[in-house]
Protein backbone atom coordinates (compact mmCIF):
# COMPACT_ATOMS: atom_id res chain seq x y z
CA UNK A 1 -30.59 20.49 -26.39
CA UNK A 2 -32.67 19.56 -29.42
CA UNK A 3 -36.04 19.18 -27.73
CA UNK A 4 -38.28 22.20 -27.31
CA UNK A 5 -39.96 20.95 -24.13
CA UNK A 6 -38.43 19.32 -21.07
CA UNK A 7 -40.02 17.35 -18.22
CA UNK A 8 -38.21 16.30 -15.07
CA UNK A 9 -39.58 13.74 -12.60
CA UNK A 10 -38.20 13.93 -9.05
CA UNK A 11 -39.26 11.33 -6.49
CA UNK A 12 -38.39 11.60 -2.81
CA UNK A 13 -37.63 8.14 -1.39
CA UNK A 14 -37.96 8.41 2.38
CA UNK A 15 -39.59 6.67 5.33
CA UNK A 16 -39.44 7.39 9.06
CA UNK A 17 -36.83 5.51 11.05
CA UNK A 18 -38.80 2.42 12.01
CA UNK A 19 -36.13 -0.05 13.09
CA UNK A 20 -36.57 -1.60 16.51
CA UNK A 21 -33.98 -4.28 17.10
CA UNK A 22 -35.28 -7.66 18.23
CA UNK A 23 -33.38 -10.92 18.00
CA UNK A 24 -36.48 -12.57 16.55
CA UNK A 25 -37.34 -11.73 12.95
CA UNK A 26 -40.95 -12.92 13.04
CA UNK A 27 -43.33 -10.49 11.37
CA UNK A 28 -45.59 -10.47 14.43
CA UNK A 29 -42.93 -8.31 16.10
CA UNK A 30 -42.43 -6.03 13.13
CA UNK A 31 -44.86 -3.25 14.13
CA UNK A 32 -44.21 -0.11 12.11
CA UNK A 33 -41.48 -1.92 10.21
CA UNK A 34 -44.31 -3.39 8.11
CA UNK A 35 -44.55 -0.03 6.34
CA UNK A 36 -40.91 -0.32 5.38
CA UNK A 37 -41.38 -3.84 4.01
CA UNK A 38 -44.40 -2.73 1.98
CA UNK A 39 -42.38 0.24 0.71
CA UNK A 40 -39.74 -2.12 -0.68
CA UNK A 41 -42.22 -4.54 -2.24
CA UNK A 42 -44.77 -2.01 -3.54
CA UNK A 43 -42.59 0.97 -4.53
CA UNK A 44 -38.84 0.34 -4.77
CA UNK A 45 -38.83 -3.11 -6.39
CA UNK A 46 -41.56 -2.18 -8.93
CA UNK A 47 -39.65 1.01 -9.78
CA UNK A 48 -36.46 -0.96 -10.36
CA UNK A 49 -38.42 -3.41 -12.50
CA UNK A 50 -39.62 -0.46 -14.62
CA UNK A 51 -36.06 0.84 -15.06
CA UNK A 52 -34.87 -2.66 -15.97
CA UNK A 53 -37.54 -3.08 -18.67
CA UNK A 54 -36.90 0.36 -20.12
CA UNK A 55 -33.16 -0.27 -20.20
CA UNK A 56 -33.64 -3.71 -21.79
CA UNK A 57 -35.95 -2.28 -24.47
CA UNK A 58 -33.63 0.67 -25.14
CA UNK A 59 -36.33 3.19 -24.23
CA UNK A 60 -34.75 6.54 -23.26
CA UNK A 61 -35.54 7.65 -19.73
CA UNK A 62 -34.28 10.01 -17.06
CA UNK A 63 -35.54 10.12 -13.49
CA UNK A 64 -34.32 11.75 -10.29
CA UNK A 65 -34.43 10.15 -6.85
CA UNK A 66 -33.98 11.76 -3.46
CA UNK A 67 -32.53 8.94 -1.38
CA UNK A 68 -32.91 9.99 2.26
CA UNK A 69 -30.06 8.92 4.58
CA UNK A 70 -32.59 7.25 6.88
CA UNK A 71 -33.92 5.09 4.05
CA UNK A 72 -30.39 4.31 2.84
CA UNK A 73 -29.49 3.08 6.31
CA UNK A 74 -32.58 0.90 6.65
CA UNK A 75 -32.14 -0.61 3.18
CA UNK A 76 -28.58 -1.63 4.07
CA UNK A 77 -29.42 -2.90 7.56
CA UNK A 78 -28.81 -6.66 7.65
CA UNK A 79 -31.39 -7.26 10.39
CA UNK A 80 -34.13 -5.46 8.45
CA UNK A 81 -33.15 -7.35 5.31
CA UNK A 82 -33.74 -10.64 7.15
CA UNK A 83 -37.09 -9.36 8.40
CA UNK A 84 -38.08 -8.34 4.88
CA UNK A 85 -37.35 -11.81 3.56
CA UNK A 86 -39.47 -13.24 6.35
CA UNK A 87 -42.23 -10.81 5.31
CA UNK A 88 -42.01 -12.04 1.70
CA UNK A 89 -42.02 -15.68 2.80
CA UNK A 90 -45.22 -15.09 4.73
CA UNK A 91 -46.79 -13.47 1.65
CA UNK A 92 -45.87 -16.53 -0.41
CA UNK A 93 -47.18 -18.98 2.19
CA UNK A 94 -50.38 -16.97 2.55
CA UNK A 95 -50.79 -16.98 -1.23
CA UNK A 96 -50.87 -20.78 -1.27
CA UNK A 97 -53.69 -20.70 1.29
CA UNK A 98 -55.51 -17.98 -0.68
CA UNK A 99 -55.39 -19.98 -3.89
CA UNK A 100 -57.17 -22.79 -2.08
CA UNK A 101 -59.63 -20.50 -0.27
CA UNK A 102 -60.68 -18.61 -3.42
CA UNK A 103 -60.80 -21.51 -5.89
CA UNK A 104 -64.61 -21.18 -6.23
CA UNK A 105 -64.38 -17.49 -7.18
CA UNK A 106 -62.61 -17.22 -10.52
CA UNK A 107 -61.97 -13.44 -10.52
CA UNK A 108 -60.57 -13.39 -6.98
CA UNK A 109 -58.60 -16.57 -7.55
CA UNK A 110 -56.94 -15.09 -10.62
CA UNK A 111 -55.87 -12.04 -8.61
CA UNK A 112 -54.58 -14.28 -5.82
CA UNK A 113 -52.48 -16.18 -8.36
CA UNK A 114 -51.10 -12.91 -9.74
CA UNK A 115 -50.11 -11.72 -6.26
CA UNK A 116 -48.60 -15.08 -5.37
CA UNK A 117 -46.47 -15.11 -8.53
CA UNK A 118 -45.49 -11.49 -7.95
CA UNK A 119 -44.36 -12.24 -4.39
CA UNK A 120 -42.24 -15.17 -5.59
CA UNK A 121 -40.72 -13.14 -8.43
CA UNK A 122 -39.90 -10.17 -6.22
CA UNK A 123 -38.28 -12.32 -3.55
CA UNK A 124 -36.07 -13.92 -6.20
CA UNK A 125 -35.31 -10.52 -7.75
CA UNK A 126 -34.42 -9.03 -4.36
CA UNK A 127 -32.09 -11.86 -3.35
CA UNK A 128 -30.57 -12.92 -6.67
CA UNK A 129 -30.61 -10.00 -9.13
CA UNK A 130 -30.04 -7.27 -6.56
CA UNK A 131 -28.37 -9.39 -3.85
CA UNK A 132 -30.41 -7.52 -1.23
CA UNK A 133 -28.58 -4.29 -2.12
CA UNK A 134 -31.14 -1.91 -3.65
CA UNK A 135 -28.84 1.09 -3.30
CA UNK A 136 -26.34 -0.64 -5.58
CA UNK A 137 -29.16 -1.35 -8.02
CA UNK A 138 -30.15 2.32 -8.23
CA UNK A 139 -26.48 3.31 -8.44
CA UNK A 140 -26.15 1.11 -11.54
CA UNK A 141 -28.58 3.38 -13.37
CA UNK A 142 -26.94 6.48 -11.88
CA UNK A 143 -23.58 5.44 -13.35
CA UNK A 144 -25.27 4.94 -16.73
CA UNK A 145 -26.61 8.50 -16.62
CA UNK A 146 -30.25 7.41 -16.42
CA UNK A 147 -30.89 8.24 -12.75
CA UNK A 148 -29.76 11.26 -10.77
CA UNK A 149 -29.45 10.95 -7.00
CA UNK A 150 -30.15 14.01 -4.85
CA UNK A 151 -29.06 14.29 -1.23
CA UNK A 152 -31.07 15.42 1.79
CA UNK A 153 -30.54 16.08 5.52
CA UNK A 154 -29.49 13.30 7.88
CA UNK A 155 -32.85 12.58 9.49
CA UNK A 156 -35.35 14.41 7.28
CA UNK A 157 -35.42 17.47 9.53
CA UNK A 158 -37.67 20.40 8.66
CA UNK A 159 -34.78 22.82 8.24
CA UNK A 160 -36.65 26.14 8.77
CA UNK A 161 -37.15 25.04 12.38
CA UNK A 162 -33.39 24.48 12.83
CA UNK A 163 -32.28 27.69 11.15
CA UNK A 164 -31.62 29.42 14.50
CA UNK A 165 -29.15 26.71 15.58
CA UNK A 166 -26.22 26.66 13.17
CA UNK A 167 -24.58 23.63 14.78
CA UNK A 168 -27.64 21.44 14.25
CA UNK A 169 -28.16 22.81 10.75
CA UNK A 170 -24.62 21.95 9.75
CA UNK A 171 -24.78 18.53 11.44
CA UNK A 172 -27.91 17.63 9.44
CA UNK A 173 -26.19 18.52 6.16
CA UNK A 174 -22.65 17.28 6.89
CA UNK A 175 -23.33 13.94 8.57
CA UNK A 176 -24.74 12.04 5.55
CA UNK A 177 -22.09 13.29 3.07
CA UNK A 178 -19.68 10.39 3.67
CA UNK A 179 -22.52 7.87 3.43
CA UNK A 180 -23.63 9.31 0.10
CA UNK A 181 -20.07 9.03 -1.18
CA UNK A 182 -19.93 5.39 -0.12
CA UNK A 183 -23.24 4.49 -1.78
CA UNK A 184 -23.17 6.74 -4.86
CA UNK A 185 -19.56 7.65 -5.51
CA UNK A 186 -18.79 11.30 -6.21
CA UNK A 187 -20.44 14.25 -4.52
CA UNK A 188 -24.10 14.82 -5.33
CA UNK A 189 -24.99 18.09 -7.03
CA UNK A 190 -28.55 18.52 -5.79
CA UNK A 191 -29.92 18.93 -2.27
CA UNK A 192 -33.52 18.30 -1.26
CA UNK A 193 -35.09 20.28 1.55
CA UNK A 194 -37.46 17.79 3.26
CA UNK A 195 -41.09 18.75 2.74
CA UNK A 196 -39.66 21.45 0.40
CA UNK A 197 -39.04 23.45 3.57
CA UNK A 198 -36.84 26.18 2.13
CA UNK A 199 -34.73 28.37 4.38
CA UNK A 200 -31.81 30.57 3.20
CA UNK A 201 -29.97 29.82 6.46
CA UNK A 202 -28.81 26.51 4.99
CA UNK A 203 -27.17 27.99 1.91
CA UNK A 204 -23.70 28.46 3.37
CA UNK A 205 -23.61 24.76 4.27
CA UNK A 206 -24.88 23.71 0.85
CA UNK A 207 -21.99 25.60 -0.69
CA UNK A 208 -19.52 24.10 1.78
CA UNK A 209 -20.45 20.57 0.73
CA UNK A 210 -20.63 21.34 -3.01
CA UNK A 211 -24.40 21.22 -3.46
CA UNK A 212 -25.19 23.51 -6.37
CA UNK A 213 -28.99 23.40 -6.72
CA UNK A 214 -32.21 22.69 -4.87
CA UNK A 215 -35.96 22.62 -5.49
CA UNK A 216 -38.69 24.76 -3.95
CA UNK A 217 -42.46 24.81 -4.22
CA UNK A 218 -44.09 27.15 -6.71
CA UNK A 219 -45.34 29.73 -4.20
CA UNK A 220 -41.84 30.02 -2.72
CA UNK A 221 -40.57 31.44 -5.98
CA UNK A 222 -43.68 33.32 -7.09
CA UNK A 223 -43.73 35.19 -3.76
CA UNK A 224 -39.97 35.74 -3.96
CA UNK A 225 -38.17 39.03 -4.38
CA UNK A 226 -38.24 40.08 -7.12
CA UNK A 227 -40.98 38.10 -8.86
CA UNK A 228 -39.24 35.77 -11.36
CA UNK A 229 -39.67 36.93 -14.94
CA UNK A 230 -40.00 33.38 -16.30
CA UNK A 231 -42.20 32.07 -13.50
CA UNK A 232 -41.72 28.46 -12.44
CA UNK A 233 -40.48 27.18 -15.79
CA UNK A 234 -36.84 28.30 -15.66
CA UNK A 235 -34.19 28.23 -12.92
CA UNK A 236 -33.16 31.26 -10.91
CA UNK A 237 -30.23 31.91 -8.63
CA UNK A 238 -30.25 33.19 -5.06
CA UNK A 239 -28.00 36.09 -4.03
CA UNK A 240 -25.72 33.46 -2.44
CA UNK A 241 -25.42 31.53 -5.70
CA UNK A 242 -27.70 28.53 -5.09
CA UNK A 243 -29.57 27.53 -8.24
CA UNK A 244 -33.30 27.11 -7.66
CA UNK A 245 -35.72 24.96 -9.65
CA UNK A 246 -39.43 24.99 -8.96
CA UNK A 247 -42.03 22.27 -8.61
CA UNK A 248 -44.93 22.71 -11.04
CA UNK A 249 -48.08 22.77 -8.94
CA UNK A 250 -50.46 22.18 -11.86
CA UNK A 251 -48.63 18.99 -12.83
CA UNK A 252 -48.78 17.80 -9.23
CA UNK A 253 -52.54 18.38 -9.06
CA UNK A 254 -53.13 16.69 -12.41
CA UNK A 255 -51.23 13.59 -11.27
CA UNK A 256 -53.21 13.45 -8.03
CA UNK A 257 -56.45 13.57 -10.01
CA UNK A 258 -55.29 10.78 -12.31
CA UNK A 259 -54.32 8.58 -9.35
CA UNK A 260 -57.79 8.74 -7.79
CA UNK A 261 -59.70 7.07 -10.62
CA UNK A 262 -62.12 4.48 -9.21
CA UNK A 263 -60.92 1.78 -11.59
CA UNK A 264 -57.58 1.51 -9.77
CA UNK A 265 -56.86 -0.95 -6.98
CA UNK A 266 -57.84 0.04 -3.46
CA UNK A 267 -54.62 -0.39 -1.49
CA UNK A 268 -56.40 0.03 1.84
CA UNK A 269 -58.71 -2.97 1.43
CA UNK A 270 -56.13 -5.61 2.24
CA UNK A 271 -57.13 -9.18 3.06
CA UNK A 272 -55.24 -8.84 6.33
CA UNK A 273 -57.90 -6.45 7.59
CA UNK A 274 -60.97 -8.01 5.96
CA UNK A 275 -60.70 -11.75 6.51
CA UNK A 276 -61.39 -13.57 9.81
CA UNK A 277 -58.55 -13.53 12.31
CA UNK A 278 -57.94 -17.27 12.05
CA UNK A 279 -57.46 -16.96 8.27
CA UNK A 280 -54.72 -14.33 8.62
CA UNK A 281 -53.26 -15.57 11.90
CA UNK A 282 -49.65 -15.29 10.66
CA UNK A 283 -50.21 -11.55 10.14
CA UNK A 284 -51.41 -10.85 13.69
CA UNK A 285 -49.16 -9.49 16.40
CA UNK A 286 -49.17 -10.51 20.05
CA UNK A 287 -51.97 -8.04 20.82
CA UNK A 288 -54.12 -9.23 17.90
CA UNK A 289 -53.30 -6.24 15.72
CA UNK A 290 -53.41 -6.86 11.98
CA UNK A 291 -50.96 -6.06 9.21
CA UNK A 292 -50.89 -6.00 5.42
CA UNK A 293 -50.73 -9.29 3.51
CA UNK A 294 -50.24 -7.77 0.05
CA UNK A 295 -53.42 -9.46 -1.23
CA UNK A 296 -55.86 -6.74 -2.27
CA UNK A 297 -58.83 -7.75 -4.38
CA UNK A 298 -61.00 -4.64 -4.64
CA UNK A 299 -61.08 -1.50 -6.76
CA UNK A 300 -61.64 2.02 -5.46
CA UNK A 301 -65.25 1.95 -6.58
CA UNK A 302 -67.49 2.68 -3.60
CA UNK A 303 -69.33 -0.26 -2.04
CA UNK A 304 -72.81 -0.85 -3.42
CA UNK A 305 -76.09 -0.85 -1.51
CA UNK A 306 -75.44 -4.45 -0.49
CA UNK A 307 -72.07 -3.51 1.00
CA UNK A 308 -70.12 -5.40 -1.64
CA UNK A 309 -67.01 -3.95 -3.27
CA UNK A 310 -66.17 -4.20 -6.96
CA UNK A 311 -63.48 -6.72 -7.83
CA UNK A 312 -60.30 -5.10 -9.15
CA UNK A 313 -59.79 -5.46 -12.92
CA UNK A 314 -56.09 -5.05 -13.84
CA UNK A 315 -56.81 -4.83 -17.59
CA UNK A 316 -59.30 -1.99 -17.11
CA UNK A 317 -56.74 -0.20 -14.93
CA UNK A 318 -54.01 -0.62 -17.58
CA UNK A 319 -56.32 0.77 -20.26
CA UNK A 320 -56.89 3.88 -18.13
CA UNK A 321 -53.14 4.27 -17.59
CA UNK A 322 -52.52 4.48 -21.33
CA UNK A 323 -55.30 7.04 -21.77
CA UNK A 324 -54.18 9.20 -18.85
CA UNK A 325 -50.49 9.07 -19.83
CA UNK A 326 -51.28 10.41 -23.30
CA UNK A 327 -53.45 13.18 -21.84
CA UNK A 328 -50.79 14.06 -19.26
CA UNK A 329 -48.09 14.45 -21.90
CA UNK A 330 -50.31 16.47 -24.21
CA UNK A 331 -51.43 18.81 -21.41
CA UNK A 332 -47.85 19.33 -20.26
CA UNK A 333 -46.62 20.02 -23.78
CA UNK A 334 -49.46 22.49 -24.34
CA UNK A 335 -48.56 24.35 -21.15
CA UNK A 336 -44.85 24.44 -22.06
CA UNK A 337 -45.69 25.57 -25.58
CA UNK A 338 -47.68 28.49 -24.20
CA UNK A 339 -44.84 29.40 -21.83
CA UNK A 340 -42.20 29.20 -24.57
CA UNK A 341 -43.93 32.02 -26.46
CA UNK A 342 -42.64 34.43 -23.82
CA UNK A 343 -39.07 33.16 -23.42
CA UNK A 344 -36.15 32.29 -25.67
CA UNK A 345 -34.87 29.51 -23.39
CA UNK A 346 -36.24 25.97 -23.29
CA UNK A 347 -38.79 25.76 -20.44
CA UNK A 348 -38.80 22.90 -17.94
CA UNK A 349 -41.77 21.33 -16.16
CA UNK A 350 -40.59 19.76 -12.89
CA UNK A 351 -42.84 17.21 -11.23
CA UNK A 352 -41.81 16.32 -7.66
CA UNK A 353 -43.58 14.04 -5.20
CA UNK A 354 -43.03 11.30 -2.63
CA UNK A 355 -41.87 8.06 -4.23
CA UNK A 356 -44.41 6.02 -2.28
CA UNK A 357 -47.18 7.88 -4.10
CA UNK A 358 -46.25 5.49 -6.92
CA UNK A 359 -46.90 1.98 -5.69
CA UNK A 360 -47.65 2.13 -1.99
CA UNK A 361 -50.49 4.64 -2.49
CA UNK A 362 -51.24 4.29 -6.20
CA UNK A 363 -50.67 0.65 -7.13
CA UNK A 364 -50.53 1.39 -10.86
CA UNK A 365 -48.25 4.41 -10.41
CA UNK A 366 -44.99 2.76 -11.44
CA UNK A 367 -46.68 1.36 -14.56
CA UNK A 368 -47.85 4.91 -15.31
CA UNK A 369 -44.26 6.16 -15.13
CA UNK A 370 -43.15 3.41 -17.51
CA UNK A 371 -45.95 4.30 -19.93
CA UNK A 372 -44.94 7.97 -19.86
CA UNK A 373 -41.37 7.17 -20.88
CA UNK A 374 -42.46 4.78 -23.62
CA UNK A 375 -44.94 7.28 -25.06
CA UNK A 376 -42.51 10.18 -24.81
CA UNK A 377 -40.10 8.31 -27.08
CA UNK A 378 -42.57 9.03 -29.89
CA UNK A 379 -42.55 12.81 -29.32
CA UNK A 380 -39.67 14.44 -31.20
CA UNK A 381 -39.92 17.78 -29.37
CA UNK A 382 -40.21 16.32 -25.86
CA UNK A 383 -37.46 15.08 -23.60
CA UNK A 384 -37.30 13.79 -20.05
CA UNK A 385 -34.23 14.99 -18.23
CA UNK A 386 -32.66 15.37 -14.77
CA UNK A 387 -32.19 18.74 -13.07
CA UNK A 388 -28.37 18.82 -13.24
CA UNK A 389 -28.41 17.84 -16.92
CA UNK A 390 -30.87 20.62 -17.69
CA UNK A 391 -28.91 23.20 -15.67
CA UNK A 392 -25.64 22.19 -17.38
CA UNK A 393 -27.12 23.12 -20.76
CA UNK A 394 -28.15 26.62 -19.65
CA UNK A 395 -26.21 29.86 -19.45
CA UNK A 396 -25.99 30.10 -15.67
CA UNK A 397 -24.77 33.70 -15.80
CA UNK A 398 -28.14 34.63 -17.31
CA UNK A 399 -30.16 33.25 -14.36
CA UNK A 400 -32.21 35.93 -12.65
CA UNK A 401 -31.25 36.68 -9.03
CA UNK A 402 -34.27 35.93 -6.81
CA UNK A 403 -34.67 35.42 -3.06
CA UNK A 404 -37.33 32.71 -2.55
CA UNK A 405 -39.87 33.07 0.22
CA UNK A 406 -39.59 30.71 3.21
CA UNK A 407 -42.12 27.99 2.43
CA UNK A 408 -42.89 24.27 2.38
CA UNK A 409 -44.94 21.66 0.55
CA UNK A 410 -47.02 20.99 3.67
CA UNK A 411 -50.57 21.99 4.54
CA UNK A 412 -51.26 25.57 3.41
CA UNK A 413 -47.68 25.89 2.13
CA UNK A 414 -45.79 26.92 5.25
CA UNK A 415 -45.16 25.28 8.66
CA UNK A 416 -48.64 24.29 9.85
CA UNK A 417 -48.01 20.56 9.43
CA UNK A 418 -45.03 20.63 11.81
CA UNK A 419 -46.23 23.22 14.30
CA UNK A 420 -49.75 22.76 15.60
CA UNK A 421 -51.39 22.30 18.98
CA UNK A 422 -50.99 18.52 18.60
CA UNK A 423 -47.21 18.58 18.21
CA UNK A 424 -45.90 21.92 19.49
CA UNK A 425 -44.84 20.30 22.79
CA UNK A 426 -41.89 18.67 21.01
CA UNK A 427 -39.99 21.87 20.36
CA UNK A 428 -39.43 23.22 23.87
CA UNK A 429 -37.74 19.91 24.75
CA UNK A 430 -35.96 19.56 21.41
CA UNK A 431 -34.45 23.05 21.41
CA UNK A 432 -33.16 22.63 24.95
CA UNK A 433 -31.60 19.31 23.95
CA UNK A 434 -29.99 20.89 20.88
CA UNK A 435 -28.30 23.49 23.06
CA UNK A 436 -27.14 20.75 25.41
CA UNK A 437 -25.66 18.76 22.52
CA UNK A 438 -23.49 21.71 21.57
CA UNK A 439 -22.57 22.08 25.25
CA UNK A 440 -21.43 18.43 25.35
CA UNK A 441 -19.40 18.79 22.17
CA UNK A 442 -17.67 21.84 23.63
CA UNK A 443 -17.13 20.29 27.07
CA UNK A 444 -15.70 17.00 25.79
CA UNK A 445 -13.75 17.89 22.61
CA UNK A 446 -11.18 15.06 22.66
CA UNK A 447 -12.71 12.17 24.57
CA UNK A 448 -12.25 8.54 23.57
CA UNK A 449 -13.46 5.11 24.63
CA UNK A 450 -16.79 4.69 26.38
CA UNK A 451 -17.31 8.43 26.75
CA UNK A 452 -16.84 8.99 23.02
CA UNK A 453 -19.33 6.20 22.30
CA UNK A 454 -21.85 7.91 24.57
CA UNK A 455 -21.28 11.28 22.92
CA UNK A 456 -21.72 9.79 19.44
CA UNK A 457 -24.93 8.11 20.56
CA UNK A 458 -26.15 11.40 21.99
CA UNK A 459 -25.61 12.93 18.54
CA UNK A 460 -27.65 10.13 16.94
CA UNK A 461 -30.50 10.57 19.41
CA UNK A 462 -30.71 14.32 18.96
CA UNK A 463 -30.68 13.97 15.18
CA UNK A 464 -33.43 11.35 15.28
CA UNK A 465 -35.41 13.67 17.56
CA UNK A 466 -35.07 16.40 14.92
CA UNK A 467 -36.88 14.29 12.31
CA UNK A 468 -39.88 16.03 10.76
CA UNK A 469 -41.68 12.68 10.63
CA UNK A 470 -42.81 12.71 14.27
CA UNK A 471 -44.68 16.04 14.27
CA UNK A 472 -46.03 15.30 10.76
CA UNK A 473 -47.50 11.94 11.84
CA UNK A 474 -49.01 13.56 14.93
CA UNK A 475 -50.58 16.28 12.78
CA UNK A 476 -52.03 13.73 10.34
CA UNK A 477 -53.17 11.52 13.24
CA UNK A 478 -51.36 8.64 11.59
CA UNK A 479 -49.50 6.17 13.85
CA UNK A 480 -49.71 8.74 16.61
CA UNK A 481 -48.57 6.40 19.40
CA UNK A 482 -45.51 5.39 17.39
CA UNK A 483 -44.65 9.01 16.55
CA UNK A 484 -45.10 10.23 20.13
CA UNK A 485 -43.01 7.36 21.47
CA UNK A 486 -40.22 8.05 18.99
CA UNK A 487 -40.10 11.74 19.82
CA UNK A 488 -40.22 11.13 23.56
CA UNK A 489 -37.80 8.20 23.60
CA UNK A 490 -35.09 9.88 21.53
CA UNK A 491 -35.23 12.97 23.73
CA UNK A 492 -35.27 10.80 26.87
CA UNK A 493 -32.29 8.80 25.61
CA UNK A 494 -30.37 12.00 24.94
CA UNK A 495 -31.18 13.38 28.39
CA UNK A 496 -30.06 10.13 30.02
CA UNK A 497 -26.69 10.36 28.26
CA UNK A 498 -26.36 14.05 29.11
CA UNK A 499 -26.97 13.42 32.79
CA UNK A 500 -24.73 10.34 32.80
CA UNK A 501 -21.85 12.36 31.37
CA UNK A 502 -22.48 14.98 34.03
CA UNK A 503 -22.28 12.40 36.83
CA UNK A 504 -19.36 10.62 35.14
CA UNK A 505 -21.16 7.25 35.14
CA UNK A 506 -22.41 5.49 32.01
CA UNK A 507 -24.06 2.10 31.99
CA UNK A 508 -22.19 0.11 29.36
CA UNK A 509 -25.00 -2.42 29.04
CA UNK A 510 -27.66 0.27 28.53
CA UNK A 511 -25.50 2.15 26.02
CA UNK A 512 -24.74 -1.02 24.04
CA UNK A 513 -28.44 -1.84 23.80
CA UNK A 514 -29.23 1.68 22.63
CA UNK A 515 -26.45 1.58 20.04
CA UNK A 516 -27.97 -1.60 18.66
CA UNK A 517 -31.48 -0.13 18.47
CA UNK A 518 -30.51 3.26 17.02
CA UNK A 519 -27.41 2.40 15.00
CA UNK A 520 -27.92 4.93 12.22
CA UNK A 521 -24.73 6.69 11.01
CA UNK A 522 -22.18 4.23 12.46
CA UNK A 523 -19.30 6.60 11.68
CA UNK A 524 -20.89 9.72 13.18
CA UNK A 525 -18.60 12.17 14.95
CA UNK A 526 -20.28 14.11 17.74
CA UNK A 527 -17.81 16.97 17.22
CA UNK A 528 -19.92 18.08 14.25
CA UNK A 529 -22.03 19.86 16.88
CA UNK A 530 -19.13 22.05 18.08
CA UNK A 531 -19.37 25.78 17.53
CA UNK A 532 -17.45 26.92 14.50
CA UNK A 533 -14.76 29.44 15.32
């Protein structure tokens, strides 16, 4: 490796399971699915556009994506694809109305035109260039060696809370393997612990499915045993042989600071929430609740004394991006240069964050990533790389043996986000259901027909109940009704199946409806929950 300094960007692409099957595809029935549609239009499509431009201009780049199995399923779901197109059509129709409404205000009208053109372009790109298959689009760059895909558990479970139940732990890791092979070819080398929730209990299953490395948060390694000699800037190896890379906390904090500049667009001030109800009628649900239109005209600058917001200025935002990107690269190089004085190996700075931080939260974020890659091409000693590429170039036998501390990337660095007085009620029901799932798998080892369908659906329900999203949303007080309903309904569905199997009567109609609503992992095999002999 010729470069003296290495940066790796890892983005976790995940959303909670939001699909609720309805025959109608009208946006007014979309509910929480609106987040998913915004995720596609504000994060995934812009990111693909960045990769396309870099590839076209022959700018070297490497980026790593954690594609969660839940997100993969939703992206490939034909019903959600139809709903997304309906969402884009409504944005386009609304844009025509906005161009007329804002024609007397030049600055706002110009933004409305930009958003209208963007909506049209992205709908065409989604349907024609990518043929509604974004996983195939990302796999194109993976096959060219520009993108690395990292796997993660089936339903984004917080694995430290499953470590006592080996059947559930294995099911979370094994179930998505075949789906990853279908979408991304050969086995993936890296495994992402959701929320960076490290637990050594999962290591035997990582090895079983050929995962060679993972990523932990900085305090997990720095509080490990023994303390790593090279800190967070070089991989280590656990006693069981798993290679560990570490997220750089300082880089994470610097990026968060950059993203909060007041000149950037305020993604929360959407026209759907600010304009009169009759103006945004197509974005209202049956109860009058509002949803995002995609038309956002204001910057993050605080409202003045008269209550007026400052109009967003894209050129001013782009100027700040260039300035911040240069500073970010220089600060990172300076830190790596200081580290390299105390080690003979080439240090790595690993930045890891949620993908929706770039786009959905920080509108200019994907443009910032593009600017980083373009600027980095002018630095001879700097290289962006992917974790497996970096590891391949090291002498693995020289990696220090370290046992990381159990940790997470959540509030205060441990399990507070997923275990608090607002969400602790989930676990007494969940753990009982997990034991019952193993009981079912043991009691009905060779069943077929309707009973096998019910057992497979029970496995889906218990895995959806294990999602870390529900307790996290409850803790953050974000979409609390949705999160509570999801946790309760999946556990209730599982219990209904459990009791139906006990009484030897299963309602075919009810089961068919449930299979349609929660159809994740169509090839799941409930026997994954059997005890291993």
